[in-house]
Amino acid sequence: RITSSGNIFYADAVKGRFTISRDNAKNTM
């Protein structure tokens, strides 16, 4: 998950392998 302020959480199963990001101007994750 990622908040509008940029705080990020990863489940242990994917940490180190997956990367979440968002473009607030485009409302795209």
mmCIF file of all heavy atoms, coordinates in Angstrom:
data_MODEL
# 
_entry.id   MODEL 
# 
loop_
_atom_site.group_PDB 
_atom_site.id 
_atom_site.type_symbol 
_atom_site.label_atom_id 
_atom_site.label_alt_id 
_atom_site.label_comp_id 
_atom_site.label_asym_id 
_atom_site.label_entity_id 
_atom_site.label_seq_id 
_atom_site.pdbx_PDB_ins_code 
_atom_site.Cartn_x 
_atom_site.Cartn_y 
_atom_site.Cartn_z 
_atom_site.occupancy 
_atom_site.B_iso_or_equiv 
_atom_site.pdbx_formal_charge 
_atom_site.auth_seq_id 
_atom_site.auth_comp_id 
_atom_site.auth_asym_id 
_atom_site.auth_atom_id 
_atom_site.pdbx_PDB_model_num 
ATOM 1   N N   . ARG A 1 1  ? 0.833  -1.188  0.000   1.00 0.00 ? 1  ARG A N   1 
ATOM 2   C CA  . ARG A 1 1  ? 0.000  0.000   0.000   1.00 0.00 ? 1  ARG A CA  1 
ATOM 3   C C   . ARG A 1 1  ? 0.872  1.244   0.000   1.00 0.00 ? 1  ARG A C   1 
ATOM 4   O O   . ARG A 1 1  ? 2.023  1.224   0.458   1.00 0.00 ? 1  ARG A O   1 
ATOM 5   C CB  . ARG A 1 1  ? -0.958 0.013   1.194   1.00 0.00 ? 1  ARG A CB  1 
ATOM 6   C CG  . ARG A 1 1  ? -0.282 0.203   2.541   1.00 0.00 ? 1  ARG A CG  1 
ATOM 7   C CD  . ARG A 1 1  ? -1.289 0.225   3.668   1.00 0.00 ? 1  ARG A CD  1 
ATOM 8   N NE  . ARG A 1 1  ? -0.657 0.447   4.962   1.00 0.00 ? 1  ARG A NE  1 
ATOM 9   C CZ  . ARG A 1 1  ? -1.283 0.456   6.125   1.00 0.00 ? 1  ARG A CZ  1 
ATOM 10  N NH1 . ARG A 1 1  ? -2.585 0.227   6.170   1.00 0.00 ? 1  ARG A NH1 1 
ATOM 11  N NH2 . ARG A 1 1  ? -0.621 0.679   7.241   1.00 0.00 ? 1  ARG A NH2 1 
ATOM 12  N N   . ILE A 1 2  ? 0.300  2.320   -0.496  1.00 0.00 ? 2  ILE A N   1 
ATOM 13  C CA  . ILE A 1 2  ? 1.000  3.594   -0.557  1.00 0.00 ? 2  ILE A CA  1 
ATOM 14  C C   . ILE A 1 2  ? -0.006 4.709   -0.317  1.00 0.00 ? 2  ILE A C   1 
ATOM 15  O O   . ILE A 1 2  ? -1.083 4.732   -0.904  1.00 0.00 ? 2  ILE A O   1 
ATOM 16  C CB  . ILE A 1 2  ? 1.742  3.757   -1.902  1.00 0.00 ? 2  ILE A CB  1 
ATOM 17  C CG1 . ILE A 1 2  ? 2.530  5.062   -1.936  1.00 0.00 ? 2  ILE A CG1 1 
ATOM 18  C CG2 . ILE A 1 2  ? 0.774  3.649   -3.080  1.00 0.00 ? 2  ILE A CG2 1 
ATOM 19  C CD1 . ILE A 1 2  ? 3.510  5.126   -3.105  1.00 0.00 ? 2  ILE A CD1 1 
ATOM 20  N N   . THR A 1 3  ? 0.335  5.637   0.558   1.00 0.00 ? 3  THR A N   1 
ATOM 21  C CA  . THR A 1 3  ? -0.542 6.753   0.864   1.00 0.00 ? 3  THR A CA  1 
ATOM 22  C C   . THR A 1 3  ? -0.255 7.913   -0.064  1.00 0.00 ? 3  THR A C   1 
ATOM 23  O O   . THR A 1 3  ? 0.751  7.944   -0.779  1.00 0.00 ? 3  THR A O   1 
ATOM 24  C CB  . THR A 1 3  ? -0.380 7.205   2.315   1.00 0.00 ? 3  THR A CB  1 
ATOM 25  O OG1 . THR A 1 3  ? 0.896  7.846   2.478   1.00 0.00 ? 3  THR A OG1 1 
ATOM 26  C CG2 . THR A 1 3  ? -0.474 6.027   3.280   1.00 0.00 ? 3  THR A CG2 1 
ATOM 27  N N   . SER A 1 4  ? -1.149 8.893   -0.035  1.00 0.00 ? 4  SER A N   1 
ATOM 28  C CA  . SER A 1 4  ? -0.974 10.075  -0.867  1.00 0.00 ? 4  SER A CA  1 
ATOM 29  C C   . SER A 1 4  ? 0.245  10.890  -0.461  1.00 0.00 ? 4  SER A C   1 
ATOM 30  O O   . SER A 1 4  ? 0.735  11.696  -1.260  1.00 0.00 ? 4  SER A O   1 
ATOM 31  C CB  . SER A 1 4  ? -2.228 10.947  -0.840  1.00 0.00 ? 4  SER A CB  1 
ATOM 32  O OG  . SER A 1 4  ? -2.662 11.181  0.481   1.00 0.00 ? 4  SER A OG  1 
ATOM 33  N N   . SER A 1 5  ? 0.741  10.683  0.757   1.00 0.00 ? 5  SER A N   1 
ATOM 34  C CA  . SER A 1 5  ? 1.949  11.353  1.209   1.00 0.00 ? 5  SER A CA  1 
ATOM 35  C C   . SER A 1 5  ? 3.214  10.542  0.962   1.00 0.00 ? 5  SER A C   1 
ATOM 36  O O   . SER A 1 5  ? 4.317  11.005  1.274   1.00 0.00 ? 5  SER A O   1 
ATOM 37  C CB  . SER A 1 5  ? 1.845  11.705  2.693   1.00 0.00 ? 5  SER A CB  1 
ATOM 38  O OG  . SER A 1 5  ? 1.717  10.550  3.486   1.00 0.00 ? 5  SER A OG  1 
ATOM 39  N N   . GLY A 1 6  ? 3.069  9.327   0.421   1.00 0.00 ? 6  GLY A N   1 
ATOM 40  C CA  . GLY A 1 6  ? 4.220  8.536   0.048   1.00 0.00 ? 6  GLY A CA  1 
ATOM 41  C C   . GLY A 1 6  ? 4.645  7.472   1.029   1.00 0.00 ? 6  GLY A C   1 
ATOM 42  O O   . GLY A 1 6  ? 5.685  6.830   0.818   1.00 0.00 ? 6  GLY A O   1 
ATOM 43  N N   . ASN A 1 7  ? 3.898  7.254   2.095   1.00 0.00 ? 7  ASN A N   1 
ATOM 44  C CA  . ASN A 1 7  ? 4.232  6.191   3.028   1.00 0.00 ? 7  ASN A CA  1 
ATOM 45  C C   . ASN A 1 7  ? 3.904  4.834   2.412   1.00 0.00 ? 7  ASN A C   1 
ATOM 46  O O   . ASN A 1 7  ? 2.839  4.652   1.833   1.00 0.00 ? 7  ASN A O   1 
ATOM 47  C CB  . ASN A 1 7  ? 3.477  6.363   4.341   1.00 0.00 ? 7  ASN A CB  1 
ATOM 48  C CG  . ASN A 1 7  ? 3.858  7.626   5.066   1.00 0.00 ? 7  ASN A CG  1 
ATOM 49  O OD1 . ASN A 1 7  ? 3.054  8.543   5.210   1.00 0.00 ? 7  ASN A OD1 1 
ATOM 50  N ND2 . ASN A 1 7  ? 5.101  7.690   5.523   1.00 0.00 ? 7  ASN A ND2 1 
ATOM 51  N N   . ILE A 1 8  ? 4.799  3.876   2.566   1.00 0.00 ? 8  ILE A N   1 
ATOM 52  C CA  . ILE A 1 8  ? 4.723  2.604   1.863   1.00 0.00 ? 8  ILE A CA  1 
ATOM 53  C C   . ILE A 1 8  ? 4.796  1.445   2.838   1.00 0.00 ? 8  ILE A C   1 
ATOM 54  O O   . ILE A 1 8  ? 5.548  1.476   3.816   1.00 0.00 ? 8  ILE A O   1 
ATOM 55  C CB  . ILE A 1 8  ? 5.855  2.506   0.826   1.00 0.00 ? 8  ILE A CB  1 
ATOM 56  C CG1 . ILE A 1 8  ? 5.625  3.510   -0.302  1.00 0.00 ? 8  ILE A CG1 1 
ATOM 57  C CG2 . ILE A 1 8  ? 5.974  1.088   0.284   1.00 0.00 ? 8  ILE A CG2 1 
ATOM 58  C CD1 . ILE A 1 8  ? 6.770  3.603   -1.283  1.00 0.00 ? 8  ILE A CD1 1 
ATOM 59  N N   . PHE A 1 9  ? 4.019  0.426   2.544   1.00 0.00 ? 9  PHE A N   1 
ATOM 60  C CA  . PHE A 1 9  ? 4.048  -0.831  3.275   1.00 0.00 ? 9  PHE A CA  1 
ATOM 61  C C   . PHE A 1 9  ? 4.149  -1.980  2.285   1.00 0.00 ? 9  PHE A C   1 
ATOM 62  O O   . PHE A 1 9  ? 3.510  -1.959  1.231   1.00 0.00 ? 9  PHE A O   1 
ATOM 63  C CB  . PHE A 1 9  ? 2.780  -1.001  4.120   1.00 0.00 ? 9  PHE A CB  1 
ATOM 64  C CG  . PHE A 1 9  ? 2.592  -2.385  4.656   1.00 0.00 ? 9  PHE A CG  1 
ATOM 65  C CD1 . PHE A 1 9  ? 3.206  -2.779  5.826   1.00 0.00 ? 9  PHE A CD1 1 
ATOM 66  C CD2 . PHE A 1 9  ? 1.807  -3.300  3.975   1.00 0.00 ? 9  PHE A CD2 1 
ATOM 67  C CE1 . PHE A 1 9  ? 3.043  -4.062  6.316   1.00 0.00 ? 9  PHE A CE1 1 
ATOM 68  C CE2 . PHE A 1 9  ? 1.633  -4.580  4.455   1.00 0.00 ? 9  PHE A CE2 1 
ATOM 69  C CZ  . PHE A 1 9  ? 2.261  -4.961  5.634   1.00 0.00 ? 9  PHE A CZ  1 
ATOM 70  N N   . TYR A 1 10 ? 4.949  -2.993  2.626   1.00 0.00 ? 10 TYR A N   1 
ATOM 71  C CA  . TYR A 1 10 ? 5.026  -4.224  1.847   1.00 0.00 ? 10 TYR A CA  1 
ATOM 72  C C   . TYR A 1 10 ? 4.771  -5.425  2.741   1.00 0.00 ? 10 TYR A C   1 
ATOM 73  O O   . TYR A 1 10 ? 5.254  -5.477  3.877   1.00 0.00 ? 10 TYR A O   1 
ATOM 74  C CB  . TYR A 1 10 ? 6.405  -4.410  1.220   1.00 0.00 ? 10 TYR A CB  1 
ATOM 75  C CG  . TYR A 1 10 ? 6.772  -3.396  0.168   1.00 0.00 ? 10 TYR A CG  1 
ATOM 76  C CD1 . TYR A 1 10 ? 7.660  -2.368  0.454   1.00 0.00 ? 10 TYR A CD1 1 
ATOM 77  C CD2 . TYR A 1 10 ? 6.247  -3.483  -1.113  1.00 0.00 ? 10 TYR A CD2 1 
ATOM 78  C CE1 . TYR A 1 10 ? 8.010  -1.445  -0.511  1.00 0.00 ? 10 TYR A CE1 1 
ATOM 79  C CE2 . TYR A 1 10 ? 6.591  -2.560  -2.082  1.00 0.00 ? 10 TYR A CE2 1 
ATOM 80  C CZ  . TYR A 1 10 ? 7.475  -1.544  -1.773  1.00 0.00 ? 10 TYR A CZ  1 
ATOM 81  O OH  . TYR A 1 10 ? 7.822  -0.631  -2.740  1.00 0.00 ? 10 TYR A OH  1 
ATOM 82  N N   . ALA A 1 11 ? 4.047  -6.379  2.217   1.00 0.00 ? 11 ALA A N   1 
ATOM 83  C CA  . ALA A 1 11 ? 3.946  -7.659  2.895   1.00 0.00 ? 11 ALA A CA  1 
ATOM 84  C C   . ALA A 1 11 ? 5.301  -8.350  2.886   1.00 0.00 ? 11 ALA A C   1 
ATOM 85  O O   . ALA A 1 11 ? 6.097  -8.192  1.957   1.00 0.00 ? 11 ALA A O   1 
ATOM 86  C CB  . ALA A 1 11 ? 2.900  -8.540  2.210   1.00 0.00 ? 11 ALA A CB  1 
ATOM 87  N N   . ASP A 1 12 ? 5.569  -9.124  3.931   1.00 0.00 ? 12 ASP A N   1 
ATOM 88  C CA  . ASP A 1 12 ? 6.857  -9.802  4.026   1.00 0.00 ? 12 ASP A CA  1 
ATOM 89  C C   . ASP A 1 12 ? 7.136  -10.690 2.816   1.00 0.00 ? 12 ASP A C   1 
ATOM 90  O O   . ASP A 1 12 ? 8.288  -10.828 2.391   1.00 0.00 ? 12 ASP A O   1 
ATOM 91  C CB  . ASP A 1 12 ? 6.917  -10.637 5.304   1.00 0.00 ? 12 ASP A CB  1 
ATOM 92  C CG  . ASP A 1 12 ? 7.028  -9.792  6.555   1.00 0.00 ? 12 ASP A CG  1 
ATOM 93  O OD1 . ASP A 1 12 ? 7.394  -8.610  6.456   1.00 0.00 ? 12 ASP A OD1 1 
ATOM 94  O OD2 . ASP A 1 12 ? 6.751  -10.336 7.646   1.00 0.00 ? 12 ASP A OD2 1 
ATOM 95  N N   . ALA A 1 13 ? 6.103  -11.276 2.252   1.00 0.00 ? 13 ALA A N   1 
ATOM 96  C CA  . ALA A 1 13 ? 6.281  -12.212 1.156   1.00 0.00 ? 13 ALA A CA  1 
ATOM 97  C C   . ALA A 1 13 ? 6.824  -11.559 -0.109  1.00 0.00 ? 13 ALA A C   1 
ATOM 98  O O   . ALA A 1 13 ? 7.393  -12.249 -0.962  1.00 0.00 ? 13 ALA A O   1 
ATOM 99  C CB  . ALA A 1 13 ? 4.961  -12.918 0.849   1.00 0.00 ? 13 ALA A CB  1 
ATOM 100 N N   . VAL A 1 14 ? 6.660  -10.248 -0.241  1.00 0.00 ? 14 VAL A N   1 
ATOM 101 C CA  . VAL A 1 14 ? 7.077  -9.573  -1.466  1.00 0.00 ? 14 VAL A CA  1 
ATOM 102 C C   . VAL A 1 14 ? 8.159  -8.535  -1.230  1.00 0.00 ? 14 VAL A C   1 
ATOM 103 O O   . VAL A 1 14 ? 8.707  -7.989  -2.200  1.00 0.00 ? 14 VAL A O   1 
ATOM 104 C CB  . VAL A 1 14 ? 5.881  -8.918  -2.184  1.00 0.00 ? 14 VAL A CB  1 
ATOM 105 C CG1 . VAL A 1 14 ? 4.771  -9.928  -2.414  1.00 0.00 ? 14 VAL A CG1 1 
ATOM 106 C CG2 . VAL A 1 14 ? 5.364  -7.720  -1.390  1.00 0.00 ? 14 VAL A CG2 1 
ATOM 107 N N   . LYS A 1 15 ? 8.482  -8.266  0.011   1.00 0.00 ? 15 LYS A N   1 
ATOM 108 C CA  . LYS A 1 15 ? 9.469  -7.236  0.318   1.00 0.00 ? 15 LYS A CA  1 
ATOM 109 C C   . LYS A 1 15 ? 10.812 -7.568  -0.318  1.00 0.00 ? 15 LYS A C   1 
ATOM 110 O O   . LYS A 1 15 ? 11.306 -8.683  -0.214  1.00 0.00 ? 15 LYS A O   1 
ATOM 111 C CB  . LYS A 1 15 ? 9.617  -7.079  1.830   1.00 0.00 ? 15 LYS A CB  1 
ATOM 112 C CG  . LYS A 1 15 ? 10.397 -5.850  2.244   1.00 0.00 ? 15 LYS A CG  1 
ATOM 113 C CD  . LYS A 1 15 ? 10.338 -5.642  3.752   1.00 0.00 ? 15 LYS A CD  1 
ATOM 114 C CE  . LYS A 1 15 ? 11.035 -4.353  4.160   1.00 0.00 ? 15 LYS A CE  1 
ATOM 115 N NZ  . LYS A 1 15 ? 10.944 -4.114  5.619   1.00 0.00 ? 15 LYS A NZ  1 
ATOM 116 N N   . GLY A 1 16 ? 11.384 -6.577  -0.976  1.00 0.00 ? 16 GLY A N   1 
ATOM 117 C CA  . GLY A 1 16 ? 12.642 -6.766  -1.669  1.00 0.00 ? 16 GLY A CA  1 
ATOM 118 C C   . GLY A 1 16 ? 12.496 -7.180  -3.113  1.00 0.00 ? 16 GLY A C   1 
ATOM 119 O O   . GLY A 1 16 ? 13.466 -7.101  -3.872  1.00 0.00 ? 16 GLY A O   1 
ATOM 120 N N   . ARG A 1 17 ? 11.311 -7.624  -3.508  1.00 0.00 ? 17 ARG A N   1 
ATOM 121 C CA  . ARG A 1 17 ? 11.061 -8.049  -4.882  1.00 0.00 ? 17 ARG A CA  1 
ATOM 122 C C   . ARG A 1 17 ? 10.101 -7.122  -5.620  1.00 0.00 ? 17 ARG A C   1 
ATOM 123 O O   . ARG A 1 17 ? 10.235 -6.939  -6.828  1.00 0.00 ? 17 ARG A O   1 
ATOM 124 C CB  . ARG A 1 17 ? 10.505 -9.470  -4.915  1.00 0.00 ? 17 ARG A CB  1 
ATOM 125 C CG  . ARG A 1 17 ? 11.441 -10.510 -4.322  1.00 0.00 ? 17 ARG A CG  1 
ATOM 126 C CD  . ARG A 1 17 ? 10.910 -11.917 -4.544  1.00 0.00 ? 17 ARG A CD  1 
ATOM 127 N NE  . ARG A 1 17 ? 9.632  -12.136 -3.860  1.00 0.00 ? 17 ARG A NE  1 
ATOM 128 C CZ  . ARG A 1 17 ? 8.499  -12.476 -4.474  1.00 0.00 ? 17 ARG A CZ  1 
ATOM 129 N NH1 . ARG A 1 17 ? 8.482  -12.651 -5.791  1.00 0.00 ? 17 ARG A NH1 1 
ATOM 130 N NH2 . ARG A 1 17 ? 7.392  -12.666 -3.773  1.00 0.00 ? 17 ARG A NH2 1 
ATOM 131 N N   . PHE A 1 18 ? 9.124  -6.578  -4.901  1.00 0.00 ? 18 PHE A N   1 
ATOM 132 C CA  . PHE A 1 18 ? 8.115  -5.714  -5.499  1.00 0.00 ? 18 PHE A CA  1 
ATOM 133 C C   . PHE A 1 18 ? 8.362  -4.267  -5.095  1.00 0.00 ? 18 PHE A C   1 
ATOM 134 O O   . PHE A 1 18 ? 8.858  -3.988  -3.996  1.00 0.00 ? 18 PHE A O   1 
ATOM 135 C CB  . PHE A 1 18 ? 6.706  -6.110  -5.041  1.00 0.00 ? 18 PHE A CB  1 
ATOM 136 C CG  . PHE A 1 18 ? 6.218  -7.437  -5.538  1.00 0.00 ? 18 PHE A CG  1 
ATOM 137 C CD1 . PHE A 1 18 ? 7.043  -8.312  -6.215  1.00 0.00 ? 18 PHE A CD1 1 
ATOM 138 C CD2 . PHE A 1 18 ? 4.898  -7.802  -5.318  1.00 0.00 ? 18 PHE A CD2 1 
ATOM 139 C CE1 . PHE A 1 18 ? 6.589  -9.545  -6.667  1.00 0.00 ? 18 PHE A CE1 1 
ATOM 140 C CE2 . PHE A 1 18 ? 4.420  -9.024  -5.765  1.00 0.00 ? 18 PHE A CE2 1 
ATOM 141 C CZ  . PHE A 1 18 ? 5.265  -9.894  -6.437  1.00 0.00 ? 18 PHE A CZ  1 
ATOM 142 N N   . THR A 1 19 ? 7.983  -3.354  -5.973  1.00 0.00 ? 19 THR A N   1 
ATOM 143 C CA  . THR A 1 19 ? 8.090  -1.938  -5.697  1.00 0.00 ? 19 THR A CA  1 
ATOM 144 C C   . THR A 1 19 ? 6.788  -1.249  -6.076  1.00 0.00 ? 19 THR A C   1 
ATOM 145 O O   . THR A 1 19 ? 6.337  -1.361  -7.215  1.00 0.00 ? 19 THR A O   1 
ATOM 146 C CB  . THR A 1 19 ? 9.251  -1.292  -6.468  1.00 0.00 ? 19 THR A CB  1 
ATOM 147 O OG1 . THR A 1 19 ? 10.481 -1.943  -6.132  1.00 0.00 ? 19 THR A OG1 1 
ATOM 148 C CG2 . THR A 1 19 ? 9.364  0.187   -6.106  1.00 0.00 ? 19 THR A CG2 1 
ATOM 149 N N   . ILE A 1 20 ? 6.200  -0.545  -5.125  1.00 0.00 ? 20 ILE A N   1 
ATOM 150 C CA  . ILE A 1 20 ? 4.972  0.196   -5.375  1.00 0.00 ? 20 ILE A CA  1 
ATOM 151 C C   . ILE A 1 20 ? 5.312  1.667   -5.575  1.00 0.00 ? 20 ILE A C   1 
ATOM 152 O O   . ILE A 1 20 ? 6.247  2.189   -4.963  1.00 0.00 ? 20 ILE A O   1 
ATOM 153 C CB  . ILE A 1 20 ? 3.961  0.005   -4.218  1.00 0.00 ? 20 ILE A CB  1 
ATOM 154 C CG1 . ILE A 1 20 ? 2.578  0.522   -4.612  1.00 0.00 ? 20 ILE A CG1 1 
ATOM 155 C CG2 . ILE A 1 20 ? 4.452  0.682   -2.943  1.00 0.00 ? 20 ILE A CG2 1 
ATOM 156 C CD1 . ILE A 1 20 ? 1.488  0.161   -3.601  1.00 0.00 ? 20 ILE A CD1 1 
ATOM 157 N N   . SER A 1 21 ? 4.558  2.319   -6.435  1.00 0.00 ? 21 SER A N   1 
ATOM 158 C CA  . SER A 1 21 ? 4.738  3.741   -6.668  1.00 0.00 ? 21 SER A CA  1 
ATOM 159 C C   . SER A 1 21 ? 3.419  4.332   -7.137  1.00 0.00 ? 21 SER A C   1 
ATOM 160 O O   . SER A 1 21 ? 2.487  3.600   -7.494  1.00 0.00 ? 21 SER A O   1 
ATOM 161 C CB  . SER A 1 21 ? 5.853  4.006   -7.690  1.00 0.00 ? 21 SER A CB  1 
ATOM 162 O OG  . SER A 1 21 ? 5.537  3.432   -8.943  1.00 0.00 ? 21 SER A OG  1 
ATOM 163 N N   . ARG A 1 22 ? 3.340  5.650   -7.120  1.00 0.00 ? 22 ARG A N   1 
ATOM 164 C CA  . ARG A 1 22 ? 2.135  6.315   -7.605  1.00 0.00 ? 22 ARG A CA  1 
ATOM 165 C C   . ARG A 1 22 ? 2.488  7.661   -8.208  1.00 0.00 ? 22 ARG A C   1 
ATOM 166 O O   . ARG A 1 22 ? 3.445  8.317   -7.789  1.00 0.00 ? 22 ARG A O   1 
ATOM 167 C CB  . ARG A 1 22 ? 1.090  6.479   -6.490  1.00 0.00 ? 22 ARG A CB  1 
ATOM 168 C CG  . ARG A 1 22 ? 1.517  7.359   -5.330  1.00 0.00 ? 22 ARG A CG  1 
ATOM 169 C CD  . ARG A 1 22 ? 0.501  7.298   -4.188  1.00 0.00 ? 22 ARG A CD  1 
ATOM 170 N NE  . ARG A 1 22 ? -0.751 7.958   -4.529  1.00 0.00 ? 22 ARG A NE  1 
ATOM 171 C CZ  . ARG A 1 22 ? -1.872 7.886   -3.802  1.00 0.00 ? 22 ARG A CZ  1 
ATOM 172 N NH1 . ARG A 1 22 ? -1.893 7.146   -2.692  1.00 0.00 ? 22 ARG A NH1 1 
ATOM 173 N NH2 . ARG A 1 22 ? -2.959 8.532   -4.191  1.00 0.00 ? 22 ARG A NH2 1 
ATOM 174 N N   . ASP A 1 23 ? 1.702  8.036   -9.181  1.00 0.00 ? 23 ASP A N   1 
ATOM 175 C CA  . ASP A 1 23 ? 1.797  9.333   -9.822  1.00 0.00 ? 23 ASP A CA  1 
ATOM 176 C C   . ASP A 1 23 ? 0.519  10.065  -9.458  1.00 0.00 ? 23 ASP A C   1 
ATOM 177 O O   . ASP A 1 23 ? -0.539 9.810   -10.036 1.00 0.00 ? 23 ASP A O   1 
ATOM 178 C CB  . ASP A 1 23 ? 1.947  9.178   -11.331 1.00 0.00 ? 23 ASP A CB  1 
ATOM 179 C CG  . ASP A 1 23 ? 2.149  10.501  -12.043 1.00 0.00 ? 23 ASP A CG  1 
ATOM 180 O OD1 . ASP A 1 23 ? 1.741  11.550  -11.523 1.00 0.00 ? 23 ASP A OD1 1 
ATOM 181 O OD2 . ASP A 1 23 ? 2.728  10.479  -13.155 1.00 0.00 ? 23 ASP A OD2 1 
ATOM 182 N N   . ASN A 1 24 ? 0.598  10.960  -8.483  1.00 0.00 ? 24 ASN A N   1 
ATOM 183 C CA  . ASN A 1 24 ? -0.598 11.626  -7.983  1.00 0.00 ? 24 ASN A CA  1 
ATOM 184 C C   . ASN A 1 24 ? -1.254 12.509  -9.041  1.00 0.00 ? 24 ASN A C   1 
ATOM 185 O O   . ASN A 1 24 ? -2.483 12.635  -9.069  1.00 0.00 ? 24 ASN A O   1 
ATOM 186 C CB  . ASN A 1 24 ? -0.264 12.460  -6.748  1.00 0.00 ? 24 ASN A CB  1 
ATOM 187 C CG  . ASN A 1 24 ? 0.044  11.610  -5.531  1.00 0.00 ? 24 ASN A CG  1 
ATOM 188 O OD1 . ASN A 1 24 ? -0.454 10.496  -5.398  1.00 0.00 ? 24 ASN A OD1 1 
ATOM 189 N ND2 . ASN A 1 24 ? 0.864  12.140  -4.632  1.00 0.00 ? 24 ASN A ND2 1 
ATOM 190 N N   . ALA A 1 25 ? -0.458 13.118  -9.895  1.00 0.00 ? 25 ALA A N   1 
ATOM 191 C CA  . ALA A 1 25 ? -1.014 13.972  -10.937 1.00 0.00 ? 25 ALA A CA  1 
ATOM 192 C C   . ALA A 1 25 ? -1.879 13.181  -11.903 1.00 0.00 ? 25 ALA A C   1 
ATOM 193 O O   . ALA A 1 25 ? -2.854 13.705  -12.445 1.00 0.00 ? 25 ALA A O   1 
ATOM 194 C CB  . ALA A 1 25 ? 0.100  14.690  -11.683 1.00 0.00 ? 25 ALA A CB  1 
ATOM 195 N N   . LYS A 1 26 ? -1.532 11.922  -12.125 1.00 0.00 ? 26 LYS A N   1 
ATOM 196 C CA  . LYS A 1 26 ? -2.278 11.069  -13.038 1.00 0.00 ? 26 LYS A CA  1 
ATOM 197 C C   . LYS A 1 26 ? -3.184 10.074  -12.322 1.00 0.00 ? 26 LYS A C   1 
ATOM 198 O O   . LYS A 1 26 ? -3.864 9.287   -12.985 1.00 0.00 ? 26 LYS A O   1 
ATOM 199 C CB  . LYS A 1 26 ? -1.321 10.311  -13.945 1.00 0.00 ? 26 LYS A CB  1 
ATOM 200 C CG  . LYS A 1 26 ? -0.508 11.211  -14.859 1.00 0.00 ? 26 LYS A CG  1 
ATOM 201 C CD  . LYS A 1 26 ? 0.389  10.395  -15.778 1.00 0.00 ? 26 LYS A CD  1 
ATOM 202 C CE  . LYS A 1 26 ? 1.153  11.289  -16.727 1.00 0.00 ? 26 LYS A CE  1 
ATOM 203 N NZ  . LYS A 1 26 ? 2.028  10.512  -17.636 1.00 0.00 ? 26 LYS A NZ  1 
ATOM 204 N N   . ASN A 1 27 ? -3.185 10.119  -10.993 1.00 0.00 ? 27 ASN A N   1 
ATOM 205 C CA  . ASN A 1 27 ? -3.969 9.174   -10.193 1.00 0.00 ? 27 ASN A CA  1 
ATOM 206 C C   . ASN A 1 27 ? -3.721 7.740   -10.629 1.00 0.00 ? 27 ASN A C   1 
ATOM 207 O O   . ASN A 1 27 ? -4.653 6.940   -10.767 1.00 0.00 ? 27 ASN A O   1 
ATOM 208 C CB  . ASN A 1 27 ? -5.459 9.516   -10.270 1.00 0.00 ? 27 ASN A CB  1 
ATOM 209 C CG  . ASN A 1 27 ? -5.799 10.792  -9.543  1.00 0.00 ? 27 ASN A CG  1 
ATOM 210 O OD1 . ASN A 1 27 ? -5.322 11.030  -8.431  1.00 0.00 ? 27 ASN A OD1 1 
ATOM 211 N ND2 . ASN A 1 27 ? -6.634 11.625  -10.151 1.00 0.00 ? 27 ASN A ND2 1 
ATOM 212 N N   . THR A 1 28 ? -2.475 7.424   -10.815 1.00 0.00 ? 28 THR A N   1 
ATOM 213 C CA  . THR A 1 28 ? -2.080 6.107   -11.281 1.00 0.00 ? 28 THR A CA  1 
ATOM 214 C C   . THR A 1 28 ? -1.109 5.480   -10.296 1.00 0.00 ? 28 THR A C   1 
ATOM 215 O O   . THR A 1 28 ? -0.182 6.132   -9.821  1.00 0.00 ? 28 THR A O   1 
ATOM 216 C CB  . THR A 1 28 ? -1.443 6.182   -12.672 1.00 0.00 ? 28 THR A CB  1 
ATOM 217 O OG1 . THR A 1 28 ? -2.370 6.763   -13.587 1.00 0.00 ? 28 THR A OG1 1 
ATOM 218 C CG2 . THR A 1 28 ? -1.063 4.794   -13.161 1.00 0.00 ? 28 THR A CG2 1 
ATOM 219 N N   . MET A 1 29 ? -1.327 4.210   -10.013 1.00 0.00 ? 29 MET A N   1 
ATOM 220 C CA  . MET A 1 29 ? -0.474 3.442   -9.118  1.00 0.00 ? 29 MET A CA  1 
ATOM 221 C C   . MET A 1 29 ? 0.153  2.300   -9.897  1.00 0.00 ? 29 MET A C   1 
ATOM 222 O O   . MET A 1 29 ? -0.471 1.731   -10.794 1.00 0.00 ? 29 MET A O   1 
ATOM 223 C CB  . MET A 1 29 ? -1.298 2.896   -7.948  1.00 0.00 ? 29 MET A CB  1 
ATOM 224 C CG  . MET A 1 29 ? -0.518 2.019   -6.989  1.00 0.00 ? 29 MET A CG  1 
ATOM 225 S SD  . MET A 1 29 ? -1.532 1.412   -5.609  1.00 0.00 ? 29 MET A SD  1 
ATOM 226 C CE  . MET A 1 29 ? -2.753 0.425   -6.481  1.00 0.00 ? 29 MET A CE  1 
# 
